C-alpha cells in the first residue's frame, strides 16, 4: 500500500505554502478562489484522506 500524501505533499503539488493549503482546505476567507480550487482538486485526484486523529491532536479536541 502506498504512503498517504501529507499536507506538505499537497502543498508541493499545488505550488503553494503549507499554510495556504491548510487554509484552502479549511475554507479560510483569505484564500483566493483560484488558489482554493487548485488546492481542492488535488485531493480528489490523488485520493487524499484527511487524518482526523492528527487534526484532533493539533486542535486539542476530538469533537466526538
N, C-alpha and C. Protein backbone atom coordinates (compact mmCIF):
# COMPACT_ATOMS: atom_id res chain seq x y z
N UNK A 1 0.84 -1.18 0.00
CA UNK A 1 0.00 0.00 0.00
C UNK A 1 0.88 1.24 0.00
N UNK A 2 0.54 2.22 -0.80
CA UNK A 2 1.33 3.44 -0.92
C UNK A 2 1.18 4.31 0.33
N UNK A 3 2.21 5.08 0.62
CA UNK A 3 2.17 6.00 1.74
C UNK A 3 1.18 7.13 1.42
N UNK A 4 0.27 7.45 2.34
CA UNK A 4 -0.67 8.52 2.07
C UNK A 4 0.04 9.86 1.96
N UNK A 5 -0.51 10.75 1.16
CA UNK A 5 0.07 12.07 0.99
C UNK A 5 -0.21 12.93 2.22
N UNK A 6 0.76 13.75 2.57
CA UNK A 6 0.60 14.68 3.69
C UNK A 6 0.22 16.05 3.15
N UNK A 7 -0.08 16.96 4.04
CA UNK A 7 -0.41 18.32 3.61
C UNK A 7 0.81 18.98 2.97
N UNK A 8 2.00 18.58 3.40
CA UNK A 8 3.21 19.11 2.77
C UNK A 8 3.31 18.65 1.32
N UNK A 9 2.97 17.38 1.08
CA UNK A 9 2.96 16.87 -0.29
C UNK A 9 1.92 17.59 -1.13
N UNK A 10 0.74 17.80 -0.56
CA UNK A 10 -0.34 18.50 -1.25
C UNK A 10 0.09 19.91 -1.63
N UNK A 11 0.71 20.62 -0.69
CA UNK A 11 1.18 21.98 -0.95
C UNK A 11 2.21 22.00 -2.07
N UNK A 12 3.13 21.04 -2.06
CA UNK A 12 4.15 20.98 -3.11
C UNK A 12 3.52 20.70 -4.47
N UNK A 13 2.52 19.81 -4.52
CA UNK A 13 1.85 19.51 -5.79
C UNK A 13 1.13 20.73 -6.35
N UNK A 14 0.59 21.56 -5.46
CA UNK A 14 -0.18 22.73 -5.88
C UNK A 14 0.69 23.97 -6.07
N UNK A 15 1.91 23.93 -5.57
CA UNK A 15 2.79 25.08 -5.69
C UNK A 15 2.44 26.20 -4.72
N UNK A 16 1.93 25.84 -3.55
CA UNK A 16 1.59 26.82 -2.52
C UNK A 16 2.27 26.45 -1.22
N UNK A 17 2.23 27.34 -0.26
CA UNK A 17 2.78 27.07 1.06
C UNK A 17 1.87 26.11 1.82
N UNK A 18 2.42 25.44 2.81
CA UNK A 18 1.65 24.51 3.62
C UNK A 18 0.50 25.24 4.31
N UNK A 19 0.77 26.44 4.81
CA UNK A 19 -0.27 27.21 5.49
C UNK A 19 -1.40 27.59 4.53
N UNK A 20 -1.06 27.91 3.29
CA UNK A 20 -2.07 28.24 2.29
C UNK A 20 -2.91 27.02 1.95
N UNK A 21 -2.28 25.87 1.81
CA UNK A 21 -3.02 24.64 1.54
C UNK A 21 -3.97 24.33 2.68
N UNK A 22 -3.52 24.50 3.91
CA UNK A 22 -4.36 24.26 5.07
C UNK A 22 -5.55 25.21 5.09
N UNK A 23 -5.28 26.48 4.84
CA UNK A 23 -6.37 27.46 4.83
C UNK A 23 -7.38 27.17 3.73
N UNK A 24 -6.90 26.75 2.57
CA UNK A 24 -7.81 26.44 1.47
C UNK A 24 -8.69 25.24 1.81
N UNK A 25 -8.11 24.22 2.42
CA UNK A 25 -8.88 23.03 2.79
C UNK A 25 -9.91 23.32 3.88
N UNK A 26 -9.60 24.29 4.74
CA UNK A 26 -10.48 24.59 5.86
C UNK A 26 -11.44 25.75 5.58
N UNK A 27 -11.46 26.24 4.34
CA UNK A 27 -12.42 27.28 3.96
C UNK A 27 -12.12 28.66 4.51
N UNK A 28 -10.88 28.97 4.75
CA UNK A 28 -10.49 30.28 5.28
C UNK A 28 -10.79 31.35 4.23
N UNK A 29 -11.36 32.49 4.63
CA UNK A 29 -11.76 33.52 3.65
C UNK A 29 -10.61 34.27 2.99
N UNK A 30 -9.40 34.20 3.52
CA UNK A 30 -8.29 34.96 2.95
C UNK A 30 -7.60 34.26 1.78
N UNK A 31 -8.10 33.10 1.36
CA UNK A 31 -7.52 32.38 0.23
C UNK A 31 -8.32 32.72 -1.03
N UNK A 32 -7.61 33.07 -2.10
CA UNK A 32 -8.31 33.41 -3.34
C UNK A 32 -9.05 32.19 -3.88
N UNK A 33 -10.10 32.46 -4.63
CA UNK A 33 -10.91 31.37 -5.16
C UNK A 33 -10.11 30.50 -6.13
N UNK A 34 -9.23 31.09 -6.91
CA UNK A 34 -8.41 30.32 -7.85
C UNK A 34 -7.48 29.36 -7.10
N UNK A 35 -6.86 29.85 -6.03
CA UNK A 35 -5.96 29.00 -5.24
C UNK A 35 -6.76 27.90 -4.55
N UNK A 36 -7.92 28.26 -4.01
CA UNK A 36 -8.76 27.27 -3.33
C UNK A 36 -9.14 26.14 -4.28
N UNK A 37 -9.54 26.48 -5.50
CA UNK A 37 -9.92 25.46 -6.48
C UNK A 37 -8.74 24.58 -6.85
N UNK A 38 -7.56 25.19 -6.99
CA UNK A 38 -6.36 24.43 -7.33
C UNK A 38 -6.01 23.44 -6.23
N UNK A 39 -6.14 23.88 -4.97
CA UNK A 39 -5.83 23.01 -3.84
C UNK A 39 -6.89 21.93 -3.67
N UNK A 40 -8.16 22.26 -3.87
CA UNK A 40 -9.24 21.31 -3.65
C UNK A 40 -9.34 20.24 -4.73
N UNK A 41 -8.82 20.49 -5.92
CA UNK A 41 -8.91 19.47 -6.96
C UNK A 41 -7.90 18.35 -6.79
N UNK A 42 -6.79 18.61 -6.12
CA UNK A 42 -5.75 17.60 -5.95
C UNK A 42 -6.17 16.45 -5.04
N UNK A 43 -6.81 16.70 -3.88
CA UNK A 43 -7.18 15.56 -3.03
C UNK A 43 -8.08 14.55 -3.73
N UNK A 44 -9.00 15.00 -4.54
CA UNK A 44 -9.87 14.08 -5.26
C UNK A 44 -9.11 13.27 -6.29
N UNK A 45 -8.15 13.91 -6.93
CA UNK A 45 -7.37 13.24 -7.97
C UNK A 45 -6.36 12.27 -7.37
N UNK A 46 -5.79 12.61 -6.21
CA UNK A 46 -4.75 11.78 -5.59
C UNK A 46 -5.27 10.91 -4.46
N UNK A 47 -6.56 10.95 -4.22
CA UNK A 47 -7.18 10.15 -3.16
C UNK A 47 -6.59 10.45 -1.79
N UNK A 48 -6.47 11.72 -1.46
CA UNK A 48 -6.00 12.12 -0.14
C UNK A 48 -7.16 12.01 0.83
N UNK A 49 -6.91 11.40 1.98
CA UNK A 49 -7.92 11.25 3.02
C UNK A 49 -7.46 12.01 4.25
N UNK A 50 -8.29 12.91 4.79
CA UNK A 50 -7.88 13.65 5.97
C UNK A 50 -7.60 12.73 7.15
N UNK A 51 -6.60 13.08 7.95
CA UNK A 51 -6.26 12.33 9.14
C UNK A 51 -6.90 13.04 10.33
N UNK A 52 -8.09 12.57 10.72
CA UNK A 52 -8.83 13.23 11.79
C UNK A 52 -8.17 13.06 13.15
N UNK A 53 -7.43 11.99 13.34
CA UNK A 53 -6.70 11.81 14.60
C UNK A 53 -5.63 12.88 14.76
N UNK A 54 -4.90 13.16 13.70
CA UNK A 54 -3.87 14.19 13.75
C UNK A 54 -4.50 15.56 13.96
N UNK A 55 -5.63 15.80 13.32
CA UNK A 55 -6.31 17.09 13.48
C UNK A 55 -6.76 17.28 14.93
N UNK A 56 -7.31 16.24 15.54
CA UNK A 56 -7.78 16.38 16.91
C UNK A 56 -6.61 16.59 17.87
N UNK A 57 -5.48 15.96 17.59
CA UNK A 57 -4.30 16.18 18.43
C UNK A 57 -3.82 17.63 18.32
N UNK A 58 -3.82 18.14 17.12
CA UNK A 58 -3.37 19.53 16.89
C UNK A 58 -4.32 20.53 17.53
N UNK A 59 -5.62 20.29 17.39
CA UNK A 59 -6.61 21.23 17.91
C UNK A 59 -6.96 20.99 19.37
N UNK A 60 -6.46 19.91 19.95
CA UNK A 60 -6.73 19.54 21.34
C UNK A 60 -8.21 19.26 21.61
N UNK A 61 -8.91 18.77 20.59
CA UNK A 61 -10.31 18.40 20.76
C UNK A 61 -10.66 17.29 19.77
N UNK A 62 -11.54 16.42 20.16
CA UNK A 62 -11.89 15.30 19.27
C UNK A 62 -13.24 15.49 18.60
N UNK A 63 -14.08 16.41 19.11
CA UNK A 63 -15.42 16.68 18.57
C UNK A 63 -16.27 15.42 18.49
N UNK A 64 -16.09 14.55 19.46
CA UNK A 64 -16.87 13.30 19.50
C UNK A 64 -18.10 13.51 20.34
